[in-house]
Each structure stands twice: as structure tokens, then as C-alpha cells.
N, C-alpha and C. Protein backbone atom coordinates (compact mmCIF):
# COMPACT_ATOMS: atom_id res chain seq x y z
N MET A 1 26.59 32.50 -1.23
CA MET A 1 25.40 31.69 -1.03
C MET A 1 25.33 31.27 0.43
N SER A 2 24.16 31.36 1.02
CA SER A 2 24.01 31.00 2.42
C SER A 2 23.90 29.49 2.58
N PRO A 3 24.24 28.97 3.77
CA PRO A 3 24.11 27.53 3.99
C PRO A 3 22.64 27.12 3.82
N GLY A 4 22.43 25.99 3.20
CA GLY A 4 21.06 25.53 2.98
C GLY A 4 20.48 25.99 1.65
N SER A 5 21.16 26.98 1.02
CA SER A 5 20.64 27.41 -0.28
C SER A 5 21.20 26.50 -1.36
N ASP A 6 20.59 26.53 -2.49
CA ASP A 6 20.95 25.63 -3.58
C ASP A 6 22.25 26.06 -4.24
N VAL A 7 23.03 25.09 -4.73
CA VAL A 7 24.27 25.40 -5.43
C VAL A 7 23.99 25.82 -6.87
N TYR A 8 22.78 25.54 -7.37
CA TYR A 8 22.39 25.92 -8.72
C TYR A 8 21.45 27.11 -8.70
N SER A 9 21.43 27.82 -9.79
CA SER A 9 20.43 28.88 -9.94
C SER A 9 19.06 28.22 -10.08
N PRO A 10 17.98 28.95 -9.83
CA PRO A 10 16.64 28.35 -9.98
C PRO A 10 16.40 27.77 -11.37
N GLU A 11 16.92 28.42 -12.41
CA GLU A 11 16.74 27.92 -13.77
C GLU A 11 17.48 26.60 -13.98
N LYS A 12 18.72 26.54 -13.48
CA LYS A 12 19.52 25.31 -13.61
C LYS A 12 18.89 24.19 -12.79
N ARG A 13 18.44 24.46 -11.56
CA ARG A 13 17.80 23.44 -10.73
C ARG A 13 16.55 22.91 -11.42
N SER A 14 15.79 23.79 -12.03
CA SER A 14 14.58 23.39 -12.74
C SER A 14 14.92 22.45 -13.89
N ALA A 15 15.98 22.78 -14.62
CA ALA A 15 16.40 21.94 -15.74
C ALA A 15 16.86 20.56 -15.24
N VAL A 16 17.61 20.53 -14.14
CA VAL A 16 18.06 19.26 -13.56
C VAL A 16 16.87 18.42 -13.14
N MET A 17 15.90 19.01 -12.46
CA MET A 17 14.74 18.28 -11.96
C MET A 17 13.85 17.79 -13.10
N ARG A 18 13.79 18.52 -14.18
CA ARG A 18 12.99 18.09 -15.34
C ARG A 18 13.50 16.78 -15.92
N ARG A 19 14.79 16.52 -15.75
CA ARG A 19 15.39 15.31 -16.30
C ARG A 19 15.14 14.08 -15.44
N VAL A 20 14.62 14.26 -14.22
CA VAL A 20 14.31 13.13 -13.35
C VAL A 20 13.03 12.48 -13.86
N LYS A 21 13.15 11.21 -14.21
CA LYS A 21 12.02 10.51 -14.82
C LYS A 21 11.06 10.00 -13.74
N GLY A 22 9.78 9.97 -14.09
CA GLY A 22 8.76 9.45 -13.18
C GLY A 22 8.33 8.05 -13.56
N LYS A 23 8.55 7.68 -14.81
CA LYS A 23 8.20 6.32 -15.22
C LYS A 23 9.24 5.83 -16.20
N ASP A 24 9.23 4.50 -16.42
CA ASP A 24 10.23 3.84 -17.25
C ASP A 24 11.65 4.08 -16.73
N THR A 25 11.78 4.09 -15.40
CA THR A 25 13.09 4.25 -14.78
C THR A 25 13.85 2.92 -14.88
N THR A 26 15.14 2.96 -14.66
CA THR A 26 15.95 1.74 -14.71
C THR A 26 15.45 0.69 -13.70
N PRO A 27 15.17 1.06 -12.43
CA PRO A 27 14.65 0.06 -11.51
C PRO A 27 13.32 -0.55 -12.00
N GLU A 28 12.45 0.29 -12.52
CA GLU A 28 11.16 -0.20 -13.02
C GLU A 28 11.36 -1.17 -14.19
N LEU A 29 12.25 -0.83 -15.11
CA LEU A 29 12.52 -1.71 -16.25
C LEU A 29 13.10 -3.04 -15.79
N THR A 30 13.92 -3.03 -14.74
CA THR A 30 14.49 -4.26 -14.19
C THR A 30 13.38 -5.18 -13.68
N VAL A 31 12.43 -4.62 -12.95
CA VAL A 31 11.31 -5.41 -12.42
C VAL A 31 10.45 -5.93 -13.57
N ARG A 32 10.19 -5.08 -14.55
CA ARG A 32 9.37 -5.51 -15.68
C ARG A 32 10.02 -6.65 -16.45
N ARG A 33 11.34 -6.58 -16.66
CA ARG A 33 12.03 -7.67 -17.35
C ARG A 33 11.92 -8.97 -16.56
N ALA A 34 12.07 -8.89 -15.23
CA ALA A 34 11.97 -10.09 -14.39
C ALA A 34 10.56 -10.67 -14.46
N LEU A 35 9.54 -9.83 -14.44
CA LEU A 35 8.16 -10.31 -14.55
C LEU A 35 7.91 -10.97 -15.91
N THR A 36 8.45 -10.38 -16.96
CA THR A 36 8.28 -10.93 -18.30
C THR A 36 8.93 -12.31 -18.39
N ARG A 37 10.12 -12.45 -17.80
CA ARG A 37 10.80 -13.76 -17.79
C ARG A 37 9.95 -14.82 -17.07
N LEU A 38 9.17 -14.38 -16.07
CA LEU A 38 8.30 -15.31 -15.33
C LEU A 38 6.99 -15.56 -16.06
N GLY A 39 6.80 -14.90 -17.19
CA GLY A 39 5.58 -15.11 -17.97
C GLY A 39 4.39 -14.31 -17.47
N ALA A 40 4.63 -13.33 -16.62
CA ALA A 40 3.53 -12.52 -16.06
C ALA A 40 3.04 -11.51 -17.09
N ARG A 41 1.76 -11.30 -17.09
CA ARG A 41 1.15 -10.27 -17.94
C ARG A 41 0.79 -9.10 -17.04
N TYR A 42 1.04 -7.90 -17.51
CA TYR A 42 0.79 -6.74 -16.67
C TYR A 42 0.47 -5.52 -17.51
N ARG A 43 -0.04 -4.51 -16.83
CA ARG A 43 -0.32 -3.21 -17.43
C ARG A 43 0.54 -2.18 -16.71
N LEU A 44 0.78 -1.06 -17.38
CA LEU A 44 1.66 -0.03 -16.81
C LEU A 44 0.89 1.25 -16.48
N HIS A 45 1.26 1.85 -15.35
CA HIS A 45 0.86 3.22 -15.00
C HIS A 45 -0.64 3.47 -15.17
N ARG A 46 -1.46 2.66 -14.52
CA ARG A 46 -2.91 2.81 -14.63
C ARG A 46 -3.36 4.10 -13.94
N LYS A 47 -3.68 5.10 -14.73
CA LYS A 47 -4.05 6.40 -14.19
C LYS A 47 -5.41 6.39 -13.51
N ASP A 48 -6.22 5.35 -13.77
CA ASP A 48 -7.52 5.27 -13.13
C ASP A 48 -7.45 4.68 -11.72
N LEU A 49 -6.26 4.29 -11.28
CA LEU A 49 -6.07 3.76 -9.93
C LEU A 49 -5.32 4.77 -9.08
N PRO A 50 -5.61 4.82 -7.77
CA PRO A 50 -4.91 5.76 -6.89
C PRO A 50 -3.39 5.57 -6.96
N GLY A 51 -2.68 6.65 -7.17
CA GLY A 51 -1.22 6.63 -7.21
C GLY A 51 -0.63 6.15 -8.52
N SER A 52 -1.44 5.81 -9.50
CA SER A 52 -0.97 5.28 -10.79
C SER A 52 0.15 4.26 -10.59
N PRO A 53 -0.16 3.08 -10.06
CA PRO A 53 0.90 2.10 -9.80
C PRO A 53 1.74 1.85 -11.04
N ASP A 54 3.04 1.59 -10.82
CA ASP A 54 3.97 1.38 -11.92
C ASP A 54 3.60 0.14 -12.72
N ILE A 55 3.21 -0.93 -12.02
CA ILE A 55 2.87 -2.20 -12.67
C ILE A 55 1.58 -2.71 -12.03
N VAL A 56 0.63 -3.09 -12.88
CA VAL A 56 -0.66 -3.57 -12.38
C VAL A 56 -0.99 -4.90 -13.05
N MET A 57 -1.43 -5.86 -12.22
CA MET A 57 -1.89 -7.15 -12.71
C MET A 57 -3.36 -7.28 -12.28
N PRO A 58 -4.27 -6.82 -13.14
CA PRO A 58 -5.68 -6.78 -12.76
C PRO A 58 -6.26 -8.13 -12.36
N GLY A 59 -5.90 -9.19 -13.07
CA GLY A 59 -6.45 -10.51 -12.75
C GLY A 59 -6.04 -11.00 -11.38
N ARG A 60 -4.88 -10.56 -10.91
CA ARG A 60 -4.38 -10.94 -9.59
C ARG A 60 -4.69 -9.89 -8.53
N ARG A 61 -5.30 -8.78 -8.96
CA ARG A 61 -5.58 -7.65 -8.08
C ARG A 61 -4.30 -7.23 -7.34
N LEU A 62 -3.22 -7.14 -8.12
CA LEU A 62 -1.91 -6.81 -7.57
C LEU A 62 -1.40 -5.52 -8.20
N ALA A 63 -1.03 -4.58 -7.35
CA ALA A 63 -0.45 -3.31 -7.79
C ALA A 63 0.96 -3.21 -7.22
N LEU A 64 1.93 -2.96 -8.11
CA LEU A 64 3.33 -2.84 -7.69
C LEU A 64 3.82 -1.41 -7.90
N PHE A 65 4.47 -0.90 -6.88
CA PHE A 65 5.17 0.37 -6.99
C PHE A 65 6.65 0.06 -6.94
N VAL A 66 7.42 0.62 -7.86
CA VAL A 66 8.87 0.47 -7.86
C VAL A 66 9.41 1.84 -7.46
N HIS A 67 9.91 1.91 -6.23
CA HIS A 67 10.31 3.21 -5.67
C HIS A 67 11.81 3.37 -5.58
N GLY A 68 12.26 4.58 -5.92
CA GLY A 68 13.64 4.97 -5.66
C GLY A 68 13.78 5.27 -4.18
N CYS A 69 14.83 4.75 -3.57
CA CYS A 69 14.99 4.87 -2.11
C CYS A 69 15.07 6.34 -1.66
N PHE A 70 15.82 7.15 -2.36
CA PHE A 70 15.95 8.56 -1.95
C PHE A 70 14.62 9.29 -2.06
N TRP A 71 13.96 9.16 -3.20
CA TRP A 71 12.75 9.94 -3.47
C TRP A 71 11.58 9.58 -2.59
N HIS A 72 11.55 8.33 -2.09
CA HIS A 72 10.39 7.87 -1.32
C HIS A 72 10.73 7.58 0.13
N GLY A 73 11.91 8.03 0.60
CA GLY A 73 12.25 7.98 2.01
C GLY A 73 12.40 6.58 2.59
N HIS A 74 13.02 5.66 1.84
CA HIS A 74 13.24 4.31 2.35
C HIS A 74 14.23 4.38 3.52
N ASP A 75 14.19 3.36 4.39
CA ASP A 75 15.06 3.38 5.56
C ASP A 75 16.42 2.72 5.32
N CYS A 76 16.83 2.61 4.06
CA CYS A 76 18.17 2.10 3.74
C CYS A 76 19.15 3.29 3.75
N PRO A 77 20.46 3.02 3.64
CA PRO A 77 21.42 4.12 3.67
C PRO A 77 21.17 5.20 2.60
N ARG A 78 20.81 4.78 1.39
CA ARG A 78 20.58 5.78 0.34
C ARG A 78 19.32 6.59 0.61
N GLY A 79 18.29 5.93 1.10
CA GLY A 79 17.03 6.61 1.37
C GLY A 79 17.10 7.54 2.56
N ALA A 80 17.95 7.20 3.53
CA ALA A 80 18.06 8.01 4.74
C ALA A 80 18.94 9.25 4.53
N ARG A 81 19.63 9.31 3.39
CA ARG A 81 20.53 10.43 3.10
C ARG A 81 19.73 11.71 2.87
N VAL A 82 20.16 12.78 3.51
CA VAL A 82 19.54 14.08 3.28
C VAL A 82 20.61 15.00 2.71
N PRO A 83 20.35 15.60 1.55
CA PRO A 83 21.36 16.48 0.96
C PRO A 83 21.75 17.62 1.90
N LYS A 84 22.99 18.02 1.82
CA LYS A 84 23.47 19.12 2.66
C LYS A 84 22.90 20.46 2.19
N GLN A 85 22.76 20.59 0.88
CA GLN A 85 22.23 21.83 0.32
C GLN A 85 20.70 21.77 0.29
N ASN A 86 20.06 22.86 0.65
CA ASN A 86 18.60 22.97 0.54
C ASN A 86 17.89 21.90 1.36
N ARG A 87 18.42 21.63 2.54
CA ARG A 87 17.97 20.56 3.42
C ARG A 87 16.47 20.62 3.72
N ASP A 88 15.96 21.80 4.05
CA ASP A 88 14.53 21.93 4.40
C ASP A 88 13.64 21.56 3.23
N TYR A 89 14.03 21.98 2.04
CA TYR A 89 13.24 21.65 0.84
C TYR A 89 13.16 20.14 0.67
N TRP A 90 14.32 19.45 0.72
CA TRP A 90 14.34 18.01 0.46
C TRP A 90 13.62 17.22 1.54
N THR A 91 13.75 17.65 2.77
CA THR A 91 13.04 16.96 3.86
C THR A 91 11.53 17.06 3.64
N ALA A 92 11.07 18.25 3.29
CA ALA A 92 9.63 18.45 3.04
C ALA A 92 9.18 17.68 1.79
N LYS A 93 9.99 17.71 0.74
CA LYS A 93 9.66 17.02 -0.52
C LYS A 93 9.49 15.52 -0.29
N VAL A 94 10.47 14.90 0.35
CA VAL A 94 10.40 13.46 0.60
C VAL A 94 9.24 13.15 1.55
N GLY A 95 9.01 14.01 2.54
CA GLY A 95 7.88 13.83 3.45
C GLY A 95 6.54 13.83 2.71
N ARG A 96 6.40 14.74 1.75
CA ARG A 96 5.16 14.77 0.94
C ARG A 96 5.02 13.49 0.11
N ASN A 97 6.14 13.01 -0.45
CA ASN A 97 6.10 11.77 -1.23
C ASN A 97 5.66 10.59 -0.36
N VAL A 98 6.22 10.49 0.85
CA VAL A 98 5.89 9.39 1.75
C VAL A 98 4.40 9.44 2.11
N ALA A 99 3.89 10.64 2.40
CA ALA A 99 2.46 10.80 2.74
C ALA A 99 1.58 10.42 1.55
N ARG A 100 1.96 10.86 0.36
CA ARG A 100 1.19 10.53 -0.84
C ARG A 100 1.20 9.02 -1.09
N ASP A 101 2.36 8.39 -0.91
CA ASP A 101 2.46 6.93 -1.10
C ASP A 101 1.55 6.19 -0.12
N ALA A 102 1.53 6.61 1.13
CA ALA A 102 0.69 5.95 2.15
C ALA A 102 -0.79 6.11 1.79
N LYS A 103 -1.17 7.29 1.33
CA LYS A 103 -2.57 7.53 0.95
C LYS A 103 -2.95 6.66 -0.25
N SER A 104 -2.09 6.58 -1.26
CA SER A 104 -2.37 5.76 -2.44
C SER A 104 -2.50 4.29 -2.05
N ARG A 105 -1.60 3.82 -1.21
CA ARG A 105 -1.63 2.42 -0.74
C ARG A 105 -2.95 2.13 -0.03
N ALA A 106 -3.34 3.01 0.87
CA ALA A 106 -4.58 2.80 1.63
C ALA A 106 -5.80 2.79 0.71
N GLU A 107 -5.83 3.69 -0.26
CA GLU A 107 -6.96 3.75 -1.19
C GLU A 107 -7.03 2.48 -2.06
N LEU A 108 -5.89 2.02 -2.52
CA LEU A 108 -5.86 0.79 -3.32
C LEU A 108 -6.33 -0.41 -2.50
N GLN A 109 -5.83 -0.51 -1.27
CA GLN A 109 -6.22 -1.62 -0.40
C GLN A 109 -7.72 -1.57 -0.10
N ALA A 110 -8.26 -0.37 0.07
CA ALA A 110 -9.70 -0.23 0.31
C ALA A 110 -10.52 -0.70 -0.89
N GLN A 111 -9.92 -0.63 -2.08
CA GLN A 111 -10.59 -1.10 -3.30
C GLN A 111 -10.34 -2.59 -3.56
N GLY A 112 -9.66 -3.26 -2.62
CA GLY A 112 -9.45 -4.69 -2.75
C GLY A 112 -8.18 -5.11 -3.47
N TRP A 113 -7.23 -4.20 -3.63
CA TRP A 113 -5.96 -4.52 -4.31
C TRP A 113 -4.92 -4.96 -3.29
N ARG A 114 -4.07 -5.91 -3.69
CA ARG A 114 -2.84 -6.20 -2.94
C ARG A 114 -1.82 -5.18 -3.43
N VAL A 115 -1.15 -4.54 -2.52
CA VAL A 115 -0.20 -3.49 -2.89
C VAL A 115 1.18 -3.86 -2.38
N GLU A 116 2.16 -3.85 -3.26
CA GLU A 116 3.53 -4.16 -2.90
C GLU A 116 4.45 -3.04 -3.39
N THR A 117 5.46 -2.75 -2.58
CA THR A 117 6.48 -1.78 -2.98
C THR A 117 7.80 -2.53 -3.14
N ILE A 118 8.43 -2.34 -4.27
CA ILE A 118 9.76 -2.89 -4.52
C ILE A 118 10.71 -1.70 -4.51
N TRP A 119 11.69 -1.77 -3.61
CA TRP A 119 12.63 -0.67 -3.43
C TRP A 119 13.84 -0.84 -4.34
N GLU A 120 14.37 0.28 -4.77
CA GLU A 120 15.54 0.30 -5.65
C GLU A 120 16.70 -0.52 -5.07
N CYS A 121 16.92 -0.43 -3.76
CA CYS A 121 18.04 -1.14 -3.14
C CYS A 121 17.84 -2.65 -3.18
N GLU A 122 16.61 -3.12 -3.25
CA GLU A 122 16.33 -4.56 -3.30
C GLU A 122 16.72 -5.18 -4.64
N LEU A 123 16.89 -4.35 -5.65
CA LEU A 123 17.18 -4.86 -6.99
C LEU A 123 18.62 -5.35 -7.13
N LYS A 124 19.46 -5.05 -6.15
CA LYS A 124 20.85 -5.51 -6.20
C LYS A 124 20.92 -7.03 -6.03
N ASP A 125 19.93 -7.60 -5.34
CA ASP A 125 19.86 -9.04 -5.11
C ASP A 125 18.88 -9.64 -6.12
N GLN A 126 19.39 -10.01 -7.30
CA GLN A 126 18.52 -10.53 -8.37
C GLN A 126 17.80 -11.80 -7.96
N ALA A 127 18.49 -12.69 -7.25
CA ALA A 127 17.86 -13.94 -6.81
C ALA A 127 16.74 -13.64 -5.82
N GLY A 128 16.97 -12.69 -4.93
CA GLY A 128 15.95 -12.30 -3.96
C GLY A 128 14.74 -11.68 -4.66
N LEU A 129 14.99 -10.85 -5.66
CA LEU A 129 13.90 -10.25 -6.44
C LEU A 129 13.08 -11.35 -7.12
N GLN A 130 13.78 -12.30 -7.72
CA GLN A 130 13.12 -13.40 -8.41
C GLN A 130 12.21 -14.17 -7.44
N ARG A 131 12.74 -14.51 -6.25
CA ARG A 131 11.94 -15.24 -5.24
C ARG A 131 10.72 -14.44 -4.83
N ARG A 132 10.92 -13.16 -4.61
CA ARG A 132 9.80 -12.32 -4.18
C ARG A 132 8.72 -12.25 -5.25
N LEU A 133 9.11 -12.08 -6.50
CA LEU A 133 8.12 -12.00 -7.58
C LEU A 133 7.39 -13.33 -7.75
N VAL A 134 8.11 -14.45 -7.63
CA VAL A 134 7.47 -15.76 -7.73
C VAL A 134 6.43 -15.89 -6.61
N ASP A 135 6.80 -15.47 -5.39
CA ASP A 135 5.85 -15.52 -4.27
C ASP A 135 4.62 -14.66 -4.54
N LEU A 136 4.85 -13.44 -5.05
CA LEU A 136 3.73 -12.54 -5.34
C LEU A 136 2.80 -13.10 -6.41
N LEU A 137 3.40 -13.77 -7.39
CA LEU A 137 2.61 -14.32 -8.49
C LEU A 137 1.95 -15.63 -8.10
N GLY A 138 2.45 -16.25 -7.03
CA GLY A 138 1.88 -17.52 -6.60
C GLY A 138 2.20 -18.64 -7.56
N THR A 139 3.36 -18.54 -8.24
CA THR A 139 3.77 -19.58 -9.19
C THR A 139 4.99 -20.30 -8.65
N ALA A 140 5.22 -21.48 -9.13
CA ALA A 140 6.37 -22.26 -8.63
C ALA A 140 7.55 -22.13 -9.56
């Protein structure tokens, strides 16, 4: 196998990628549980909104995206990591995700929504997450 090529066969890589979830991820469930504890009411994965935000609070005009650091190119250590195998593919893939996220954010903001991104790495600080959600909800 040449450098930069995948360690898996195309069939195996496809099977691995199929198992990567797009919704109801562990980080997303963590944020949803925290919002529920705060008494917030929300809707999930509104397909009629740009980017199908993970969590939507229509009355507050608030759209939340819960992003995995690697998949969405966050500037933390995990997000900045580029796999050694198939480097060009992953760089392009994450670049497309970042561009799509920016476009969705801009479209939502143009429609009058407040848009927030909660990163996977931020979930390690539960107290910080709690403070941020309280601030977003405007509750004491």
C-alpha cells in the first residue's frame, strides 16, 4: 500500500463510515440532557432550516449545532489532528464540512436566528457548559 492510501479496503472503509452517526451522538445527548435539566423546551434536527440544526428553540430563535471537533475542523488538539492515512481525503472532507457549516450559519442568521456551536471538547467542563446554556437561555 502506498503512503496516503487507506489501511482498509474500500468495502471495509465504507462499512466503518456507515457506523458514524450524524444525529443522536453522545455529545448531542449530553447537551440535550443539560437543557432538559434547565427546563428548556426544544425541537430536534429541523430539516426545514439551513443545516438542520441539532437543537432548535423556535420561541427563542436559537439554533444550536453540537459539533465533533475532528469532523468540523475545530482548532483544539483533537480537531487539528489530521490522519496519517489518506491525508488528502480527510483534509478535503473536513474543509467541505467547515464550508457547509459557515454557509448554514450565515443562512440561519439571515433568517433572524441566533446560531451557536457547542464543540465536543467543551463538554468536558460540565460547569462551563451549564453556565453557557444558562446564558444562552437568558435564565438565572
